[in-house]
Protein backbone atom coordinates (compact mmCIF):
# COMPACT_ATOMS: atom_id res chain seq x y z
CA MET A 1 119.01 105.14 17.60
CA PRO A 2 121.17 101.65 17.64
CA LEU A 3 120.41 99.35 20.15
CA ALA A 4 123.67 100.15 21.85
CA LYS A 5 122.96 103.55 22.63
CA LYS A 6 120.04 103.26 24.77
CA ASN A 7 119.52 104.30 28.18
CA LYS A 8 119.93 101.40 30.50
CA LEU A 9 118.61 101.29 33.83
CA VAL A 10 121.49 100.85 35.91
CA SER A 11 120.94 99.75 39.82
CA LEU A 12 123.50 101.64 42.54
CA THR A 13 122.77 99.24 45.08
CA LYS A 14 124.26 95.67 45.50
CA VAL A 15 121.66 94.33 48.00
CA LYS A 16 119.04 92.05 45.92
CA PRO A 17 115.68 91.75 47.15
CA LYS A 18 114.62 88.96 49.42
CA PRO A 19 112.84 85.88 47.28
CA ARG A 20 109.50 84.92 48.03
CA GLU A 21 110.66 81.96 49.74
CA HIS A 22 112.07 84.42 52.60
CA LYS A 23 108.70 85.83 53.16
CA GLU A 24 107.02 82.58 53.49
CA PHE A 25 109.53 81.63 55.86
CA ILE A 26 108.38 84.91 58.06
CA VAL A 27 104.89 84.25 57.61
CA LYS A 28 105.30 80.48 58.88
CA LYS A 29 107.70 81.45 61.51
CA VAL A 30 104.64 84.24 63.03
CA HIS A 31 102.20 81.17 62.30
CA SER A 32 104.48 79.08 64.62
CA PHE A 33 104.92 81.83 67.66
CA LEU A 34 101.13 82.64 67.36
CA GLU A 35 100.25 79.04 68.39
CA LYS A 36 103.21 78.35 71.06
CA TYR A 37 102.60 81.96 72.83
CA ARG A 38 99.40 83.29 74.60
CA TYR A 39 100.28 87.13 74.49
CA LEU A 40 101.55 89.01 71.47
CA TYR A 41 102.62 93.06 72.13
CA VAL A 42 103.58 95.66 69.39
CA LEU A 43 106.60 97.55 70.49
CA THR A 44 107.45 100.76 68.74
CA PHE A 45 110.59 102.37 68.79
CA ASP A 46 112.91 105.41 67.98
CA ASN A 47 116.74 104.92 67.19
CA MET A 48 117.30 101.90 69.50
CA SER A 49 120.46 100.74 69.74
CA THR A 50 121.73 96.96 69.26
CA ASN A 51 122.91 96.54 72.99
CA ASN A 52 119.64 98.30 74.34
CA PHE A 53 118.11 95.40 72.21
CA LYS A 54 120.44 92.39 73.33
CA SER A 55 119.86 93.21 76.69
CA LEU A 56 115.89 93.61 76.41
CA LYS A 57 116.38 90.06 74.59
CA ASP A 58 118.56 88.48 77.46
CA SER A 59 116.33 89.71 80.15
CA LEU A 60 113.19 87.74 78.65
CA PRO A 61 114.77 84.53 77.79
CA ASP A 62 111.55 82.68 77.35
CA SER A 63 109.93 85.46 75.22
CA LYS A 64 110.77 85.97 71.37
CA PHE A 65 111.15 89.09 69.24
CA LEU A 66 110.24 89.42 65.62
CA MET A 67 111.53 92.20 63.30
CA GLY A 68 110.73 92.21 60.01
CA LYS A 69 108.79 94.09 57.01
CA ASN A 70 105.64 95.58 58.68
CA LYS A 71 103.59 94.13 55.47
CA VAL A 72 105.06 90.74 55.41
CA ILE A 73 104.33 90.26 59.28
CA GLY A 74 100.54 91.80 58.86
CA VAL A 75 99.87 89.56 55.61
CA ALA A 76 100.66 86.51 58.32
CA LEU A 77 98.61 87.93 60.99
CA GLY A 78 95.42 88.59 58.87
CA ASN A 79 94.23 92.25 56.94
CA GLU A 80 90.53 91.19 57.78
CA GLU A 81 88.81 89.40 60.33
CA GLU A 82 88.30 86.34 57.36
CA ASN A 83 91.72 85.90 56.68
CA ALA A 84 92.90 86.13 60.32
CA HIS A 85 95.20 83.66 61.22
CA LYS A 86 94.11 83.46 64.95
CA PRO A 87 90.65 85.30 66.61
CA ASN A 88 91.57 89.08 66.56
CA SER A 89 95.39 88.83 65.59
CA TYR A 90 94.03 91.01 62.61
CA LYS A 91 93.35 94.05 64.69
CA ILE A 92 97.35 94.07 65.64
CA THR A 93 97.76 94.91 61.61
CA LYS A 94 96.89 98.59 62.03
CA ASP A 95 99.45 98.96 64.38
CA LEU A 96 102.63 97.99 62.18
CA LYS A 97 103.99 101.27 61.38
CA GLY A 98 107.66 102.76 61.53
CA HIS A 99 110.12 100.98 63.38
CA CYS A 100 108.56 98.23 65.52
CA THR A 101 109.02 94.62 66.60
CA ILE A 102 106.57 92.19 67.58
CA PHE A 103 106.68 90.20 70.86
CA PHE A 104 105.66 87.25 72.00
CA THR A 105 105.63 85.51 75.43
CA ASN A 106 103.56 83.96 77.80
CA LYS A 107 103.88 86.39 80.71
CA SER A 108 100.99 88.54 81.45
CA LYS A 109 101.07 92.35 80.95
CA GLU A 110 102.06 92.58 84.72
């Protein structure tokens, strides 16, 4: 069969995958937030609208929310005790499933 007649893989999307530098940027951001903030929470949600999330962010101006790929954030936190960035940060990785965000704050649970 001629070379031009071979089946070619055609992508139907115009979205390009994120480069490695973007993933490294997220890892560095997680590490800097771990150093800066005392508490870390995982917030899961179903069908959260932009307006609800924006009002939540505005009500907590001294805190940070981080959304991204769960696997990349899990790598930043550490998968095991040996490669955890902070003590016990690897335990949060198992809770990163579905639609979730990481909430960094210095405020206590109350």
